[in-house]
């Protein structure tokens, strides 16, 4: 039976190839789109959490760690937070979104920080150049973003409708990829003496939960979150994205099923006489239907494998030219495999039943 299936697949190699490519493209779209969405969110969450702090306090109702949140917290709140038992250090920062035509979303979040305190809490180190000077239109960028954009120390980048000079690059990547003086950001936004949030590191003998509870009791009208929870919060905060991905997977699976349906339907039509010969030799209807279904599943499996391999290749190429992350998890690959094979089975259902129902005499006389 195996040799019959493979010989049938190779009888029309061009058609089989087109079917495999069609399914592979559907798989590529599923794995790549889901991987890009999940990878981008998780990479953002990991960078936002990689700032040397365990907790973050912001105004109640804040959208996220950055973005368009207003400067609502007094900068002096950091001093009040330091007095809470278990707090080792508190650092007031500002974050804001700026127009970025070169970014996929058209926006880019930047940090406004006081360099030395931020360096102390985050472990940031200057790799090339120097730190920015307070109150100036200077910026430092992380090395990954520098490589992606092909920038060097001394280049200009547009921020707030004017140019900022890149005076240094830093590692490790943590938070937004561009950092400018906090005073410059405050002056630009009319938020002198105000910040968007306070990063909090705790004493070695304290626990995050205990310090977080004390902070919430001390500042009940503000929002305290664990930075280790950012990934979960980011993923839960985008329910529309999950709906979109589920719909996208369903559409791709439907397209794969239609590709298989068309392929196997024409296959059955072309092999009507062959099916009649198999019936005359005593092959059962169930076995004939099973041969058609196995051929469809084999084409689907080859397409899925090629699609997943193409995703790895595309991810590698993307990593060479951008900082975008594509997460290819085992769960996504297994889900895609199941969806792809299910689509192939559904697509083969009608052609297989049609082949099984063919009358042997009529099939033998088919021209």
Protein backbone atom coordinates (compact mmCIF):
# COMPACT_ATOMS: atom_id res chain seq x y z
CA UNK A 1 0.00 0.00 0.00
CA UNK A 2 2.87 2.38 0.84
CA UNK A 3 4.38 1.98 -2.64
CA UNK A 4 0.96 2.68 -4.20
CA UNK A 5 0.61 5.89 -2.17
CA UNK A 6 4.06 7.17 -3.12
CA UNK A 7 3.63 6.22 -6.77
CA UNK A 8 0.33 8.12 -6.82
CA UNK A 9 2.03 11.19 -5.33
CA UNK A 10 4.82 11.04 -7.90
CA UNK A 11 2.48 10.37 -10.82
CA UNK A 12 1.69 14.10 -10.99
CA UNK A 13 4.80 15.65 -9.35
CA UNK A 14 3.94 19.24 -10.31
CA UNK A 15 0.50 19.02 -8.73
CA UNK A 16 1.87 17.34 -5.63
CA UNK A 17 4.56 20.01 -5.34
CA UNK A 18 2.05 22.83 -5.65
CA UNK A 19 -0.12 21.21 -2.96
CA UNK A 20 2.86 20.80 -0.64
CA UNK A 21 3.92 24.42 -1.19
CA UNK A 22 0.38 25.66 -0.56
CA UNK A 23 0.21 23.83 2.75
CA UNK A 24 3.77 24.92 3.65
CA UNK A 25 2.85 28.57 3.11
CA UNK A 26 -0.18 28.17 5.38
CA UNK A 27 1.99 26.55 8.06
CA UNK A 28 4.63 29.26 7.66
CA UNK A 29 2.00 31.95 8.18
CA UNK A 30 0.63 30.24 11.29
CA UNK A 31 3.96 29.48 13.00
CA UNK A 32 5.62 32.74 12.00
CA UNK A 33 2.70 35.01 12.91
CA UNK A 34 2.06 33.34 16.25
CA UNK A 35 5.80 33.18 16.96
CA UNK A 36 6.33 36.83 16.05
CA UNK A 37 3.44 38.00 18.23
CA UNK A 38 4.44 35.92 21.25
CA UNK A 39 8.16 36.50 20.78
CA UNK A 40 7.80 40.27 20.49
CA UNK A 41 5.63 40.50 23.60
CA UNK A 42 7.90 38.25 25.66
CA UNK A 43 11.06 40.00 24.46
CA UNK A 44 9.54 43.36 25.43
CA UNK A 45 8.52 42.01 28.84
CA UNK A 46 11.97 40.53 29.45
CA UNK A 47 13.69 43.80 28.56
CA UNK A 48 11.31 45.81 30.73
CA UNK A 49 11.97 43.46 33.63
CA UNK A 50 15.76 43.49 33.10
CA UNK A 51 16.38 46.77 34.93
CA UNK A 52 17.81 45.50 38.19
CA UNK A 53 14.61 46.10 40.16
CA UNK A 54 12.00 43.74 41.51
CA UNK A 55 9.02 46.07 41.79
CA UNK A 56 7.55 49.06 40.04
CA UNK A 57 5.19 51.67 41.42
CA UNK A 58 3.14 53.82 39.07
CA UNK A 59 -0.03 55.87 39.10
CA UNK A 60 -3.27 53.91 39.36
CA UNK A 61 -4.67 52.94 35.98
CA UNK A 62 -1.36 53.17 34.13
CA UNK A 63 -1.41 51.47 30.74
CA UNK A 64 1.94 49.77 31.04
CA UNK A 65 5.56 50.33 31.85
CA UNK A 66 5.82 53.07 29.27
CA UNK A 67 3.92 54.57 26.40
CA UNK A 68 1.63 57.55 26.66
CA UNK A 69 1.09 57.55 30.44
CA UNK A 70 1.17 61.07 31.82
CA UNK A 71 3.81 62.29 34.25
CA UNK A 72 1.62 62.04 37.36
CA UNK A 73 3.94 60.98 40.16
CA UNK A 74 6.06 63.51 42.08
CA UNK A 75 9.75 62.78 41.61
CA UNK A 76 10.22 63.08 45.38
CA UNK A 77 8.07 59.96 45.88
CA UNK A 78 11.25 57.92 45.44
CA UNK A 79 12.47 59.32 48.78
CA UNK A 80 9.21 58.24 50.48
CA UNK A 81 9.51 54.76 49.00
CA UNK A 82 13.07 54.37 50.28
CA UNK A 83 11.76 54.75 53.84
CA UNK A 84 9.62 51.61 53.49
CA UNK A 85 11.08 48.60 55.30
CA UNK A 86 12.80 46.17 52.92
CA UNK A 87 13.42 48.71 50.14
CA UNK A 88 17.08 48.98 49.18
CA UNK A 89 16.79 51.61 46.43
CA UNK A 90 14.08 53.52 44.58
CA UNK A 91 14.60 55.27 41.25
CA UNK A 92 12.17 57.68 39.61
CA UNK A 93 12.05 57.43 35.81
CA UNK A 94 10.06 58.84 32.95
CA UNK A 95 8.87 56.96 29.87
CA UNK A 96 7.17 58.33 26.81
CA UNK A 97 6.23 57.28 23.27
CA UNK A 98 7.59 59.26 20.34
CA UNK A 99 6.86 59.11 16.64
CA UNK A 100 9.09 56.61 14.84
CA UNK A 101 8.47 56.22 11.08
CA UNK A 102 11.11 53.48 10.96
CA UNK A 103 9.28 51.35 13.54
CA UNK A 104 6.56 48.83 12.67
CA UNK A 105 4.02 50.49 14.98
CA UNK A 106 4.96 54.06 14.09
CA UNK A 107 5.83 54.69 17.76
CA UNK A 108 8.84 54.05 19.98
CA UNK A 109 9.10 54.17 23.77
CA UNK A 110 12.11 55.97 25.26
CA UNK A 111 13.45 56.27 28.80
CA UNK A 112 14.14 59.44 30.71
CA UNK A 113 16.59 58.68 33.53
CA UNK A 114 19.19 60.17 35.81
CA UNK A 115 22.23 58.27 34.58
CA UNK A 116 24.29 57.50 37.70
CA UNK A 117 21.37 56.30 39.89
CA UNK A 118 20.00 54.29 36.98
CA UNK A 119 23.41 52.76 36.35
CA UNK A 120 23.67 51.76 40.02
CA UNK A 121 20.31 49.98 40.13
CA UNK A 122 20.33 48.39 36.65
CA UNK A 123 23.99 47.43 36.20
CA UNK A 124 24.12 49.36 32.93
CA UNK A 125 27.60 49.90 31.51
CA UNK A 126 28.77 52.10 28.69
CA UNK A 127 30.35 50.02 25.90
CA UNK A 128 31.32 52.86 23.57
CA UNK A 129 31.31 56.62 23.99
CA UNK A 130 30.16 58.28 27.20
CA UNK A 131 27.02 58.89 29.27
CA UNK A 132 24.70 61.74 28.30
CA UNK A 133 24.95 65.08 30.09
CA UNK A 134 21.93 66.11 32.15
CA UNK A 135 19.66 68.65 30.49
CA UNK A 136 21.05 68.16 26.96
CA UNK A 137 19.68 66.69 23.72
CA UNK A 138 21.89 63.64 24.02
CA UNK A 139 21.00 59.96 24.05
CA UNK A 140 22.51 56.55 24.67
CA UNK A 141 21.29 53.41 22.87
CA UNK A 142 21.70 49.69 23.46
CA UNK A 143 24.13 47.76 21.28
CA UNK A 144 21.47 45.54 19.66
CA UNK A 145 19.52 48.54 18.40
CA UNK A 146 22.79 50.15 17.28
CA UNK A 147 23.58 47.11 15.11
CA UNK A 148 20.08 46.97 13.67
CA UNK A 149 20.05 50.66 12.70
CA UNK A 150 23.73 50.84 11.73
CA UNK A 151 24.35 53.78 14.05
CA UNK A 152 27.58 54.98 15.59
CA UNK A 153 28.55 57.42 18.31
CA UNK A 154 28.03 60.95 17.05
CA UNK A 155 25.06 60.14 14.78
CA UNK A 156 21.78 61.98 15.11
CA UNK A 157 18.39 60.40 15.81
CA UNK A 158 15.05 62.26 15.53
CA UNK A 159 13.15 62.61 18.81
CA UNK A 160 10.45 65.15 19.66
CA UNK A 161 10.73 66.73 16.21
CA UNK A 162 14.39 67.57 16.67
CA UNK A 163 17.69 65.71 16.58
CA UNK A 164 19.38 64.07 19.55
CA UNK A 165 23.05 63.11 19.40
CA UNK A 166 24.01 59.52 20.18
CA UNK A 167 26.87 59.90 22.65
CA UNK A 168 27.18 56.30 23.84
CA UNK A 169 26.06 52.69 23.58
CA UNK A 170 25.28 50.45 26.53
CA UNK A 171 24.69 46.89 27.70
CA UNK A 172 22.79 44.95 28.87
CA UNK A 173 19.53 45.77 27.11
CA UNK A 174 16.93 46.75 29.68
CA UNK A 175 13.76 48.78 29.22
CA UNK A 176 13.41 50.98 26.11
CA UNK A 177 16.38 50.94 23.76
CA UNK A 178 16.89 54.72 23.82
CA UNK A 179 17.61 56.65 27.01
CA UNK A 180 17.79 60.43 27.39
CA UNK A 181 18.19 62.73 30.42
CA UNK A 182 15.12 62.75 32.65
CA UNK A 183 15.25 66.53 32.94
CA UNK A 184 15.16 66.87 29.14
CA UNK A 185 12.08 64.66 28.91
CA UNK A 186 10.35 66.50 31.77
CA UNK A 187 10.98 69.87 30.16
CA UNK A 188 9.79 68.61 26.77
CA UNK A 189 6.50 67.33 28.20
CA UNK A 190 5.92 70.08 30.73
CA UNK A 191 6.33 67.64 33.60
CA UNK A 192 9.07 69.23 35.67
CA UNK A 193 9.32 67.46 39.00
CA UNK A 194 7.06 64.62 37.78
CA UNK A 195 7.75 61.05 36.61
CA UNK A 196 5.75 58.11 35.26
CA UNK A 197 6.96 55.39 37.64
CA UNK A 198 9.46 54.40 40.32
CA UNK A 199 11.67 51.31 40.04
CA UNK A 200 12.24 49.58 43.37
CA UNK A 201 14.94 47.11 44.38
CA UNK A 202 14.63 45.26 47.67
CA UNK A 203 17.04 44.23 50.40
CA UNK A 204 18.63 40.76 50.06
CA UNK A 205 16.86 39.49 53.19
CA UNK A 206 13.44 40.79 52.13
CA UNK A 207 10.85 39.10 49.92
CA UNK A 208 9.17 40.68 46.92
CA UNK A 209 5.68 39.81 48.16
CA UNK A 210 6.24 41.29 51.61
CA UNK A 211 7.77 44.53 50.33
CA UNK A 212 5.07 44.79 47.68
CA UNK A 213 2.38 44.45 50.34
CA UNK A 214 3.99 47.16 52.47
CA UNK A 215 4.20 49.49 49.49
CA UNK A 216 0.56 48.87 48.59
CA UNK A 217 -0.48 49.62 52.17
CA UNK A 218 1.67 52.78 52.24
CA UNK A 219 0.49 53.98 48.81
CA UNK A 220 -3.02 52.50 48.41
CA UNK A 221 -3.95 54.78 45.50
CA UNK A 222 -1.06 53.62 43.34
CA UNK A 223 -0.23 50.50 41.38
CA UNK A 224 2.54 48.15 42.54
CA UNK A 225 3.54 45.25 40.31
CA UNK A 226 6.28 42.63 40.29
CA UNK A 227 8.51 43.00 37.27
CA UNK A 228 8.73 39.22 37.04
CA UNK A 229 4.99 39.24 36.29
CA UNK A 230 5.29 41.54 33.30
CA UNK A 231 5.25 38.77 30.70
CA UNK A 232 2.01 37.35 32.08
CA UNK A 233 0.49 40.83 32.38
CA UNK A 234 1.47 41.76 28.84
CA UNK A 235 0.05 38.54 27.40
CA UNK A 236 -3.18 38.87 29.40
CA UNK A 237 -3.47 42.53 28.47
CA UNK A 238 -3.86 41.75 24.77
CA UNK A 239 -6.99 39.57 24.53
CA UNK A 240 -7.71 40.90 21.04
CA UNK A 241 -4.34 39.55 19.90
CA UNK A 242 -5.25 36.05 21.09
CA UNK A 243 -8.59 36.22 19.27
CA UNK A 244 -6.81 37.40 16.11
CA UNK A 245 -4.28 34.56 16.29
CA UNK A 246 -7.02 31.94 16.80
CA UNK A 247 -8.99 33.29 13.84
CA UNK A 248 -5.82 33.40 11.75
CA UNK A 249 -5.03 29.77 12.58
CA UNK A 250 -8.57 28.76 11.66
CA UNK A 251 -8.40 30.56 8.29
CA UNK A 252 -5.00 29.03 7.47
CA UNK A 253 -6.31 25.57 8.38
CA UNK A 254 -9.34 26.14 6.16
CA UNK A 255 -7.14 27.13 3.24
CA UNK A 256 -5.00 24.01 3.74
CA UNK A 257 -8.15 21.86 3.77
CA UNK A 258 -9.33 23.45 0.51
CA UNK A 259 -5.93 22.84 -1.10
CA UNK A 260 -6.11 19.17 -0.16
CA UNK A 261 -9.76 18.92 -1.22
CA UNK A 262 -8.99 20.30 -4.68
CA UNK A 263 -5.89 18.13 -5.07
CA UNK A 264 -7.53 14.87 -4.00
CA UNK A 265 -10.75 15.55 -5.90
CA UNK A 266 -8.87 15.92 -9.17
CA UNK A 267 -6.77 12.90 -8.21
CA UNK A 268 -9.85 10.73 -7.76
CA UNK A 269 -11.31 11.98 -11.05
CA UNK A 270 -8.10 11.14 -12.93
CA UNK A 271 -7.81 7.70 -11.30
CA UNK A 272 -11.38 6.59 -11.82
CA UNK A 273 -10.32 3.73 -14.09
CA UNK A 274 -7.49 2.76 -11.67
CA UNK A 275 -10.00 2.67 -8.79
CA UNK A 276 -12.26 0.41 -10.90
CA UNK A 277 -9.36 -1.99 -11.47
CA UNK A 278 -8.59 -2.09 -7.71
CA UNK A 279 -12.26 -2.84 -6.98
CA UNK A 280 -12.35 -5.60 -9.60
CA UNK A 281 -9.32 -7.17 -7.92
CA UNK A 282 -11.23 -7.33 -4.65
CA UNK A 283 -10.02 -4.23 -2.81
CA UNK A 284 -12.67 -3.05 -0.35
CA UNK A 285 -14.29 0.38 -0.41
CA UNK A 286 -12.79 1.15 3.00
CA UNK A 287 -9.29 0.32 1.81
CA UNK A 288 -9.64 2.51 -1.29
CA UNK A 289 -10.89 5.41 0.83
CA UNK A 290 -8.01 4.84 3.26
CA UNK A 291 -5.44 5.03 0.40
CA UNK A 292 -6.85 8.40 -0.71
CA UNK A 293 -6.86 9.68 2.90
CA UNK A 294 -3.28 8.49 3.52
CA UNK A 295 -2.06 10.22 0.39
CA UNK A 296 -3.67 13.47 1.54
CA UNK A 297 -2.17 13.11 5.01
CA UNK A 298 1.26 12.42 3.52
CA UNK A 299 1.07 15.56 1.38
CA UNK A 300 -0.07 17.53 4.43
CA UNK A 301 2.76 16.16 6.58
CA UNK A 302 5.43 17.04 4.00
CA UNK A 303 3.94 20.53 3.67
CA UNK A 304 3.93 21.01 7.45
CA UNK A 305 7.57 19.93 7.77
CA UNK A 306 8.67 22.27 4.97
CA UNK A 307 6.60 25.12 6.45
CA UNK A 308 8.19 24.74 9.90
CA UNK A 309 11.69 24.55 8.36
CA UNK A 310 10.96 27.70 6.33
CA UNK A 311 9.93 29.45 9.54
CA UNK A 312 13.30 28.68 11.14
CA UNK A 313 15.09 30.01 8.07
CA UNK A 314 12.96 33.17 8.04
CA UNK A 315 13.54 33.70 11.76
CA UNK A 316 17.29 33.44 11.27
CA UNK A 317 17.21 35.97 8.45
CA UNK A 318 15.00 38.31 10.49
CA UNK A 319 17.40 38.20 13.44
CA UNK A 320 20.23 39.32 11.16
CA UNK A 321 18.52 42.56 10.16
CA UNK A 322 16.13 43.41 13.04
CA UNK A 323 15.76 43.02 16.80
CA UNK A 324 12.39 41.29 16.41
CA UNK A 325 12.01 37.94 18.14
CA UNK A 326 10.13 34.98 16.65
CA UNK A 327 9.33 32.38 19.30
CA UNK A 328 8.95 28.90 17.83
CA UNK A 329 7.71 26.81 20.74
CA UNK A 330 7.04 23.09 20.77
CA UNK A 331 3.41 23.79 21.68
CA UNK A 332 2.90 25.95 18.57
CA UNK A 333 4.58 23.39 16.30
CA UNK A 334 2.49 20.53 17.73
CA UNK A 335 -0.68 22.60 17.42
CA UNK A 336 0.20 23.41 13.81
CA UNK A 337 0.89 19.73 13.11
CA UNK A 338 -2.49 18.72 14.52
CA UNK A 339 -4.35 21.52 12.73
CA UNK A 340 -2.56 20.78 9.45
CA UNK A 341 -3.24 17.05 9.56
CA UNK A 342 -6.83 17.66 10.62
CA UNK A 343 -7.25 20.05 7.70
CA UNK A 344 -5.74 17.47 5.37
CA UNK A 345 -8.04 14.75 6.70
CA UNK A 346 -11.13 16.94 6.30
CA UNK A 347 -10.03 17.95 2.80
CA UNK A 348 -9.60 14.32 1.81
CA UNK A 349 -12.90 13.18 3.33
CA UNK A 350 -15.17 13.90 0.35
CA UNK A 351 -12.74 12.67 -2.37
CA UNK A 352 -12.12 9.48 -0.36
CA UNK A 353 -15.83 8.79 0.05
CA UNK A 354 -16.41 9.55 -3.63
CA UNK A 355 -13.71 7.07 -4.61
CA UNK A 356 -15.21 4.42 -2.33
CA UNK A 357 -18.69 4.89 -3.81
CA UNK A 358 -17.61 4.52 -7.45
CA UNK A 359 -19.23 1.64 -9.27
CA UNK A 360 -16.57 -0.82 -10.46
CA UNK A 361 -18.17 -1.43 -13.90
CA UNK A 362 -18.65 2.28 -14.61
CA UNK A 363 -15.14 3.05 -13.35
CA UNK A 364 -13.58 0.44 -15.66
CA UNK A 365 -15.38 1.94 -18.67
CA UNK A 366 -14.37 5.51 -17.70
CA UNK A 367 -12.29 7.30 -20.33
